[in-house]
């Protein structure tokens, strides 16, 4: 491709397609809102009587019950050829629910609101990822999803910072944080309405009926790898509880969690670009191994400095996996099936999070605080091995080829 043509493709906002940039900005504002709430939710829940198992259960149920929605919304966005209406419904539901945390008085209220808010995420996630995938130019899927991850995590920095400022000014006033969190969520809706343009497909391009054979074998093998990894990837709330257990003050926990997101923001686009050049399989293997090291470290560490360092390394893992997995799936699926394929992937994450969170919460409460982290390190190590097999077999074309029919 000529230099001038490449520059033309890169025209837009900061070298990104308009839809990709404004989708990232929408995610930034929404994640600012969500992470304001999420960074203090574990401590708030325990202050109103929730156990660590109850905390894990709330997170697992909230994510898992929205899993089916992710598949359906992805399929319907492919079937109708539209993504924006699903994004509006999903982000709008989150903007409506988040301020209502101000009024909860028991863990069951949080469970109900978390379910509804995550239902909104289920509606929007696959269509949003499909919109990004459909707006990619020059094959830069890793870079484009890297921007999405960077914007997500920029919100995850701003949210805890605002929460920290509010907690420092008015200690223990979690409800004020919940109320203020509604503001960026509403701004996200405005960006979505005025910044993102629908890119409708022709009727002949629409994905009308689902068949398992419509997706390649390597897609399903990769989903198996994702399942094993996610089984040990429980809610991050337990990481924050661990930080509190080793002596980090409650008011400082949002800042400690922010370290993860700072590293991820700065690493996501460069790592995504690197994945486009050297291969996404290699980056994913590295990401799984980093996760194994981090979780093993959480299991053995008892010092505040070590925990903070592990939160930083956790940000590098995030940059090397979250956006890269979506980009990898986007690369292996036809354009008219991306919403469905990404929806199934996101649903698998949600479904697996429930047993993962229950296992981790049970191990934390009933055995000791180290065991759930050792379990996560083990499943991540298995995933790295499976990903290496995927890479070697795919490179040698020994699997994933269609079988001849008689």
Protein backbone atom coordinates (compact mmCIF):
# COMPACT_ATOMS: atom_id res chain seq x y z
CA UNK A 1 0.00 0.00 0.00
CA UNK A 2 1.32 3.47 -0.88
CA UNK A 3 2.13 5.86 1.93
CA UNK A 4 -0.50 8.39 0.86
CA UNK A 5 -3.20 5.69 0.78
CA UNK A 6 -2.23 4.49 4.23
CA UNK A 7 -2.34 8.02 5.59
CA UNK A 8 -5.77 8.46 4.05
CA UNK A 9 -6.98 5.31 5.79
CA UNK A 10 -5.53 6.63 9.03
CA UNK A 11 -7.30 9.94 8.69
CA UNK A 12 -9.91 10.60 11.31
CA UNK A 13 -9.24 11.42 14.95
CA UNK A 14 -5.67 10.83 16.17
CA UNK A 15 -5.21 8.35 13.31
CA UNK A 16 -8.27 6.29 14.25
CA UNK A 17 -11.55 5.82 12.44
CA UNK A 18 -14.26 8.16 13.80
CA UNK A 19 -16.44 5.29 15.04
CA UNK A 20 -13.52 3.60 16.79
CA UNK A 21 -12.49 6.81 18.53
CA UNK A 22 -15.96 7.82 19.71
CA UNK A 23 -16.75 4.26 20.77
CA UNK A 24 -13.61 4.45 22.89
CA UNK A 25 -14.69 7.80 24.35
CA UNK A 26 -18.10 6.35 25.21
CA UNK A 27 -16.38 3.48 26.97
CA UNK A 28 -14.08 5.90 28.79
CA UNK A 29 -16.99 7.85 30.27
CA UNK A 30 -18.99 4.76 31.13
CA UNK A 31 -16.00 3.04 32.70
CA UNK A 32 -15.28 6.17 34.74
CA UNK A 33 -18.78 5.84 36.14
CA UNK A 34 -18.68 2.08 36.66
CA UNK A 35 -15.22 2.05 38.25
CA UNK A 36 -16.16 4.84 40.66
CA UNK A 37 -18.75 2.39 41.96
CA UNK A 38 -16.72 -0.80 41.55
CA UNK A 39 -13.61 0.50 43.32
CA UNK A 40 -15.51 0.95 46.59
CA UNK A 41 -18.25 -1.67 46.21
CA UNK A 42 -16.42 -4.50 48.06
CA UNK A 43 -15.93 -2.32 51.15
CA UNK A 44 -19.46 -0.92 50.89
CA UNK A 45 -20.95 -4.42 50.67
CA UNK A 46 -19.03 -5.63 53.71
CA UNK A 47 -20.12 -2.50 55.59
CA UNK A 48 -23.76 -3.52 55.08
CA UNK A 49 -23.24 -7.14 56.08
CA UNK A 50 -22.00 -9.08 53.03
CA UNK A 51 -19.44 -11.89 53.44
CA UNK A 52 -16.58 -12.49 51.03
CA UNK A 53 -18.49 -15.44 49.58
CA UNK A 54 -21.55 -13.20 49.21
CA UNK A 55 -19.40 -10.59 47.50
CA UNK A 56 -18.11 -13.14 45.00
CA UNK A 57 -21.63 -14.50 44.49
CA UNK A 58 -23.05 -11.06 43.67
CA UNK A 59 -20.35 -10.42 41.10
CA UNK A 60 -20.65 -13.89 39.59
CA UNK A 61 -24.44 -13.82 39.30
CA UNK A 62 -24.45 -10.28 37.88
CA UNK A 63 -21.98 -11.17 35.13
CA UNK A 64 -23.21 -14.66 34.35
CA UNK A 65 -26.90 -13.89 34.06
CA UNK A 66 -26.15 -11.32 31.37
CA UNK A 67 -24.20 -13.87 29.33
CA UNK A 68 -27.15 -15.05 27.23
CA UNK A 69 -27.95 -11.41 26.42
CA UNK A 70 -24.49 -10.98 24.91
CA UNK A 71 -25.08 -13.85 22.49
CA UNK A 72 -28.55 -12.65 21.53
CA UNK A 73 -27.56 -9.00 21.09
CA UNK A 74 -24.58 -10.01 18.96
CA UNK A 75 -26.71 -12.25 16.76
CA UNK A 76 -29.49 -9.66 16.38
CA UNK A 77 -27.01 -6.94 15.50
CA UNK A 78 -25.65 -9.23 12.76
CA UNK A 79 -29.18 -10.12 11.64
CA UNK A 80 -30.38 -6.50 11.42
CA UNK A 81 -27.05 -5.07 10.28
CA UNK A 82 -27.23 -2.41 13.00
CA UNK A 83 -25.18 -1.88 16.16
CA UNK A 84 -26.00 1.59 17.45
CA UNK A 85 -29.54 0.87 18.78
CA UNK A 86 -28.18 -1.97 20.93
CA UNK A 87 -25.40 0.28 22.21
CA UNK A 88 -27.89 3.02 23.09
CA UNK A 89 -30.10 0.59 25.00
CA UNK A 90 -27.17 -0.96 26.87
CA UNK A 91 -25.33 2.22 27.82
CA UNK A 92 -28.63 3.93 28.62
CA UNK A 93 -29.59 1.20 31.08
CA UNK A 94 -26.27 1.58 32.91
CA UNK A 95 -26.71 5.37 33.09
CA UNK A 96 -30.14 4.85 34.62
CA UNK A 97 -29.12 2.23 37.20
CA UNK A 98 -25.80 3.53 38.55
CA UNK A 99 -27.20 6.48 40.59
CA UNK A 100 -29.72 4.10 42.21
CA UNK A 101 -26.93 2.48 44.25
CA UNK A 102 -27.28 5.59 46.42
CA UNK A 103 -30.45 4.18 47.95
CA UNK A 104 -29.57 0.51 48.65
CA UNK A 105 -29.64 -0.77 52.24
CA UNK A 106 -28.84 -4.49 51.86
CA UNK A 107 -26.67 -6.80 49.71
CA UNK A 108 -29.76 -8.14 47.91
CA UNK A 109 -30.48 -4.63 46.60
CA UNK A 110 -26.95 -4.47 45.20
CA UNK A 111 -27.44 -7.88 43.58
CA UNK A 112 -30.61 -6.71 41.81
CA UNK A 113 -29.06 -3.47 40.57
CA UNK A 114 -25.84 -5.20 39.52
CA UNK A 115 -27.90 -7.70 37.53
CA UNK A 116 -29.82 -4.96 35.70
CA UNK A 117 -26.71 -2.87 35.07
CA UNK A 118 -24.80 -5.90 33.75
CA UNK A 119 -27.85 -6.77 31.64
CA UNK A 120 -27.23 -3.43 29.96
CA UNK A 121 -23.62 -4.38 29.41
CA UNK A 122 -24.82 -7.62 27.87
CA UNK A 123 -26.95 -5.69 25.38
CA UNK A 124 -24.17 -3.36 24.27
CA UNK A 125 -20.92 -5.36 24.40
CA UNK A 126 -21.06 -7.59 21.31
CA UNK A 127 -22.63 -4.92 19.04
CA UNK A 128 -19.98 -2.42 20.22
CA UNK A 129 -17.16 -4.87 19.48
CA UNK A 130 -18.78 -5.67 16.13
CA UNK A 131 -18.90 -1.95 15.29
CA UNK A 132 -15.20 -1.65 16.09
CA UNK A 133 -14.36 -4.76 14.03
CA UNK A 134 -16.37 -3.43 11.09
CA UNK A 135 -14.62 -0.05 11.24
CA UNK A 136 -11.04 -1.41 11.20
CA UNK A 137 -8.82 -0.40 8.29
CA UNK A 138 -5.44 -1.72 7.11
CA UNK A 139 -5.82 -4.90 9.19
CA UNK A 140 -4.94 -3.12 12.42
CA UNK A 141 -7.32 -5.06 14.66
CA UNK A 142 -4.84 -5.24 17.54
CA UNK A 143 -4.24 -1.48 17.46
CA UNK A 144 -7.96 -0.68 17.21
CA UNK A 145 -9.01 -2.96 20.05
CA UNK A 146 -5.95 -1.68 21.90
CA UNK A 147 -7.41 1.83 21.76
CA UNK A 148 -10.71 0.49 23.09
CA UNK A 149 -8.89 -1.18 25.99
CA UNK A 150 -6.82 1.95 26.65
CA UNK A 151 -9.92 4.13 26.79
CA UNK A 152 -11.66 1.60 29.03
CA UNK A 153 -8.76 1.67 31.42
CA UNK A 154 -8.42 5.46 31.26
CA UNK A 155 -11.94 5.52 32.69
CA UNK A 156 -10.83 2.94 35.21
CA UNK A 157 -8.16 5.45 36.30
CA UNK A 158 -10.43 8.48 36.43
CA UNK A 159 -13.16 6.61 38.33
CA UNK A 160 -11.05 5.44 41.29
CA UNK A 161 -9.32 8.86 41.43
CA UNK A 162 -12.66 10.60 41.81
CA UNK A 163 -13.74 7.98 44.36
CA UNK A 164 -10.51 8.51 46.30
CA UNK A 165 -10.98 12.28 46.32
CA UNK A 166 -14.54 11.94 47.59
CA UNK A 167 -13.61 9.37 50.25
CA UNK A 168 -10.73 11.54 51.42
CA UNK A 169 -13.01 14.57 51.74
CA UNK A 170 -15.94 12.71 53.31
CA UNK A 171 -14.68 9.36 54.72
CA UNK A 172 -17.11 6.47 54.46
CA UNK A 173 -19.63 8.33 52.28
CA UNK A 174 -20.02 5.65 49.62
CA UNK A 175 -23.47 6.88 48.64
CA UNK A 176 -22.15 10.24 47.45
CA UNK A 177 -19.79 8.36 45.12
CA UNK A 178 -22.70 6.39 43.69
CA UNK A 179 -24.67 9.57 43.05
CA UNK A 180 -21.80 11.44 41.37
CA UNK A 181 -21.03 8.37 39.22
CA UNK A 182 -24.21 9.01 37.25
CA UNK A 183 -22.77 12.14 35.60
CA UNK A 184 -20.14 10.57 33.28
CA UNK A 185 -22.61 7.78 32.42
CA UNK A 186 -25.04 10.38 31.07
CA UNK A 187 -22.26 12.15 29.14
CA UNK A 188 -21.43 8.81 27.51
CA UNK A 189 -24.94 8.65 26.05
CA UNK A 190 -24.49 12.09 24.46
CA UNK A 191 -21.20 11.04 22.86
CA UNK A 192 -22.83 7.88 21.54
CA UNK A 193 -25.80 9.73 20.07
CA UNK A 194 -23.85 12.51 18.35
CA UNK A 195 -20.43 10.95 17.71
CA UNK A 196 -21.05 7.45 16.36
CA UNK A 197 -22.50 6.74 12.94
CA UNK A 198 -24.30 3.53 12.03
CA UNK A 199 -22.71 1.53 9.23
CA UNK A 200 -25.54 -0.58 7.90
CA UNK A 201 -24.88 -3.68 5.80
CA UNK A 202 -26.69 -4.70 2.63
CA UNK A 203 -29.43 -7.27 3.12
CA UNK A 204 -27.38 -9.85 1.20
CA UNK A 205 -24.58 -9.52 3.79
CA UNK A 206 -26.73 -10.18 6.85
CA UNK A 207 -26.22 -13.27 9.03
CA UNK A 208 -29.72 -14.74 9.02
CA UNK A 209 -29.48 -18.14 10.73
CA UNK A 210 -26.93 -19.55 13.17
CA UNK A 211 -25.13 -22.82 12.42
CA UNK A 212 -22.16 -24.13 14.39
CA UNK A 213 -20.41 -25.01 11.13
CA UNK A 214 -20.45 -21.32 10.16
CA UNK A 215 -17.48 -20.76 12.50
CA UNK A 216 -14.02 -22.29 11.99
CA UNK A 217 -12.68 -25.08 14.21
CA UNK A 218 -9.90 -22.84 15.50
CA UNK A 219 -12.55 -20.46 16.89
CA UNK A 220 -14.01 -23.23 19.06
CA UNK A 221 -10.58 -24.42 20.17
CA UNK A 222 -9.74 -20.90 21.23
CA UNK A 223 -13.00 -20.73 23.22
CA UNK A 224 -11.86 -23.86 25.11
CA UNK A 225 -8.65 -22.05 26.03
CA UNK A 226 -10.63 -19.00 27.15
CA UNK A 227 -12.83 -21.23 29.32
CA UNK A 228 -9.88 -22.78 31.18
CA UNK A 229 -8.33 -19.39 31.75
CA UNK A 230 -11.53 -17.71 32.92
CA UNK A 231 -12.26 -20.51 35.39
CA UNK A 232 -9.37 -19.18 37.47
CA UNK A 233 -9.97 -15.52 36.63
CA UNK A 234 -12.46 -14.58 39.36
CA UNK A 235 -13.69 -11.12 40.25
CA UNK A 236 -11.03 -8.45 40.83
CA UNK A 237 -12.90 -7.60 44.03
CA UNK A 238 -10.89 -10.34 45.78
CA UNK A 239 -7.66 -8.61 44.75
CA UNK A 240 -8.88 -5.48 46.52
CA UNK A 241 -9.89 -7.49 49.58
CA UNK A 242 -6.40 -9.06 49.61
CA UNK A 243 -4.87 -5.58 49.45
CA UNK A 244 -6.93 -4.57 52.48
CA UNK A 245 -5.93 -7.78 54.30
CA UNK A 246 -2.21 -6.98 54.01
CA UNK A 247 -2.74 -3.55 55.55
CA UNK A 248 -3.60 -1.13 52.73
CA UNK A 249 -6.16 1.36 54.02
CA UNK A 250 -9.65 1.35 52.52
CA UNK A 251 -9.35 4.93 51.23
CA UNK A 252 -6.14 4.00 49.37
CA UNK A 253 -7.49 0.88 47.68
CA UNK A 254 -9.00 2.81 44.73
CA UNK A 255 -5.52 4.26 44.10
CA UNK A 256 -3.86 0.85 44.32
CA UNK A 257 -6.36 -0.59 41.87
CA UNK A 258 -5.72 2.42 39.65
CA UNK A 259 -2.07 1.32 39.24
CA UNK A 260 -3.29 -1.63 37.17
CA UNK A 261 -5.21 0.62 34.83
CA UNK A 262 -2.40 3.17 34.43
CA UNK A 263 -0.06 0.45 33.19
CA UNK A 264 -2.76 -1.01 30.94
CA UNK A 265 -3.55 2.40 29.38
CA UNK A 266 0.04 3.04 28.39
CA UNK A 267 0.64 -0.53 27.21
CA UNK A 268 -2.58 -1.42 25.36
CA UNK A 269 -2.01 0.37 22.03
CA UNK A 270 1.72 -0.52 21.75
CA UNK A 271 1.00 -4.13 22.70
CA UNK A 272 -1.90 -4.23 20.22
CA UNK A 273 0.34 -2.90 17.45
CA UNK A 274 3.01 -5.44 18.41
CA UNK A 275 0.40 -8.22 18.21
CA UNK A 276 -0.51 -7.09 14.68
CA UNK A 277 3.15 -7.50 13.69
CA UNK A 278 4.38 -10.62 15.52
CA UNK A 279 1.13 -12.56 15.92
CA UNK A 280 -1.60 -12.41 18.52
CA UNK A 281 -1.00 -15.99 19.68
CA UNK A 282 2.46 -15.08 20.99
CA UNK A 283 1.16 -12.08 22.91
CA UNK A 284 -1.65 -14.14 24.44
CA UNK A 285 0.80 -16.81 25.64
CA UNK A 286 2.84 -14.07 27.31
CA UNK A 287 -0.30 -12.56 28.84
CA UNK A 288 -1.42 -15.86 30.38
CA UNK A 289 2.04 -16.44 31.85
CA UNK A 290 2.11 -12.93 33.34
CA UNK A 291 -1.27 -13.63 34.94
CA UNK A 292 0.05 -16.87 36.45
CA UNK A 293 2.99 -15.00 37.95
CA UNK A 294 0.74 -12.25 39.33
CA UNK A 295 -1.74 -14.61 40.96
CA UNK A 296 1.00 -16.79 42.43
CA UNK A 297 2.50 -13.59 43.81
CA UNK A 298 -0.82 -12.59 45.40
CA UNK A 299 -0.90 -16.01 47.03
CA UNK A 300 2.52 -15.76 48.69
CA UNK A 301 2.80 -12.00 49.33
CA UNK A 302 2.15 -10.39 52.70
CA UNK A 303 3.74 -6.96 52.14
CA UNK A 304 2.04 -3.85 50.82
CA UNK A 305 4.90 -3.04 48.45
CA UNK A 306 4.74 -6.46 46.84
CA UNK A 307 0.97 -6.20 46.38
CA UNK A 308 1.30 -2.79 44.72
CA UNK A 309 3.99 -4.15 42.38
CA UNK A 310 1.72 -7.07 41.49
CA UNK A 311 -1.14 -4.69 40.69
CA UNK A 312 1.22 -2.93 38.26
CA UNK A 313 2.17 -6.23 36.59
CA UNK A 314 -1.53 -7.10 36.44
CA UNK A 315 -1.97 -4.06 34.17
CA UNK A 316 0.54 -5.52 31.71
CA UNK A 317 -1.41 -8.79 31.70
CA UNK A 318 -4.59 -6.83 30.96
CA UNK A 319 -2.99 -5.06 27.98
CA UNK A 320 -1.73 -8.38 26.61
CA UNK A 321 -5.02 -10.29 26.76
CA UNK A 322 -8.35 -8.42 26.93
CA UNK A 323 -8.26 -6.46 23.67
CA UNK A 324 -5.97 -8.98 21.96
CA UNK A 325 -8.46 -11.82 22.46
CA UNK A 326 -11.22 -9.79 20.81
CA UNK A 327 -8.93 -8.77 17.96
CA UNK A 328 -7.86 -12.40 17.50
CA UNK A 329 -11.48 -13.57 17.27
CA UNK A 330 -12.33 -10.69 14.93
CA UNK A 331 -9.55 -11.79 12.58
CA UNK A 332 -10.82 -15.38 12.30
CA UNK A 333 -14.54 -14.63 11.71
CA UNK A 334 -16.33 -13.40 8.57
CA UNK A 335 -17.59 -9.79 8.62
CA UNK A 336 -21.26 -10.71 8.78
CA UNK A 337 -20.74 -12.98 11.81
CA UNK A 338 -18.51 -10.82 14.00
CA UNK A 339 -21.28 -9.72 16.35
CA UNK A 340 -22.39 -13.31 16.94
CA UNK A 341 -18.85 -14.64 17.32
CA UNK A 342 -17.84 -11.90 19.73
CA UNK A 343 -21.15 -12.33 21.56
CA UNK A 344 -20.49 -16.03 22.14
CA UNK A 345 -16.99 -15.18 23.38
CA UNK A 346 -18.29 -12.52 25.78
CA UNK A 347 -21.05 -14.87 26.95
CA UNK A 348 -18.51 -17.58 27.70
CA UNK A 349 -16.61 -15.12 29.88
CA UNK A 350 -19.80 -14.23 31.74
CA UNK A 351 -21.00 -17.80 32.25
CA UNK A 352 -17.62 -19.01 33.46
CA UNK A 353 -17.25 -16.10 35.86
CA UNK A 354 -20.01 -17.49 38.12
CA UNK A 355 -18.28 -20.79 38.97
CA UNK A 356 -14.92 -18.97 38.97
CA UNK A 357 -16.15 -16.43 41.53
CA UNK A 358 -17.89 -19.06 43.67
CA UNK A 359 -14.77 -21.25 43.70
CA UNK A 360 -12.54 -18.31 44.59
CA UNK A 361 -14.88 -16.95 47.27
CA UNK A 362 -15.28 -20.39 48.86
CA UNK A 363 -11.53 -21.02 48.88
CA UNK A 364 -10.90 -17.56 50.36
CA UNK A 365 -13.50 -17.94 53.13
CA UNK A 366 -13.20 -21.65 53.97
CA UNK A 367 -9.52 -22.48 53.44
CA UNK A 368 -7.26 -19.41 53.35
CA UNK A 369 -6.61 -16.26 51.36
CA UNK A 370 -3.79 -17.78 49.29
CA UNK A 371 -5.51 -20.81 47.76
CA UNK A 372 -7.79 -18.99 45.23
CA UNK A 373 -4.75 -17.20 43.84
CA UNK A 374 -2.81 -20.45 43.48
CA UNK A 375 -5.81 -21.91 41.66
CA UNK A 376 -5.86 -18.94 39.26
CA UNK A 377 -2.13 -19.32 38.62
CA UNK A 378 -2.63 -23.00 37.77
CA UNK A 379 -5.48 -22.43 35.28
CA UNK A 380 -3.53 -19.61 33.61
CA UNK A 381 -0.53 -21.92 33.21
CA UNK A 382 -2.73 -24.58 31.58
CA UNK A 383 -4.13 -21.91 29.25
CA UNK A 384 -0.64 -20.81 28.22
CA UNK A 385 0.23 -24.42 27.34
CA UNK A 386 -2.97 -24.84 25.32
CA UNK A 387 -2.30 -21.55 23.52
CA UNK A 388 1.20 -22.76 22.63
CA UNK A 389 -0.34 -25.94 21.17
CA UNK A 390 -2.81 -23.76 19.25
CA UNK A 391 0.04 -21.70 17.83
CA UNK A 392 2.24 -24.67 16.85
CA UNK A 393 -0.58 -26.68 15.28
CA UNK A 394 -2.00 -23.66 13.45
CA UNK A 395 1.41 -22.72 12.10
CA UNK A 396 1.98 -26.27 10.86
CA UNK A 397 -1.64 -26.47 9.61
CA UNK A 398 -2.08 -29.81 11.40
CA UNK A 399 -5.47 -28.88 12.81
CA UNK A 400 -8.31 -26.53 11.95
CA UNK A 401 -8.52 -27.83 8.39
CA UNK A 402 -11.92 -29.04 7.12
CA UNK A 403 -12.23 -32.78 6.87
CA UNK A 404 -12.95 -34.26 3.42
CA UNK A 405 -16.48 -35.53 2.91
CA UNK A 406 -17.23 -38.88 1.38
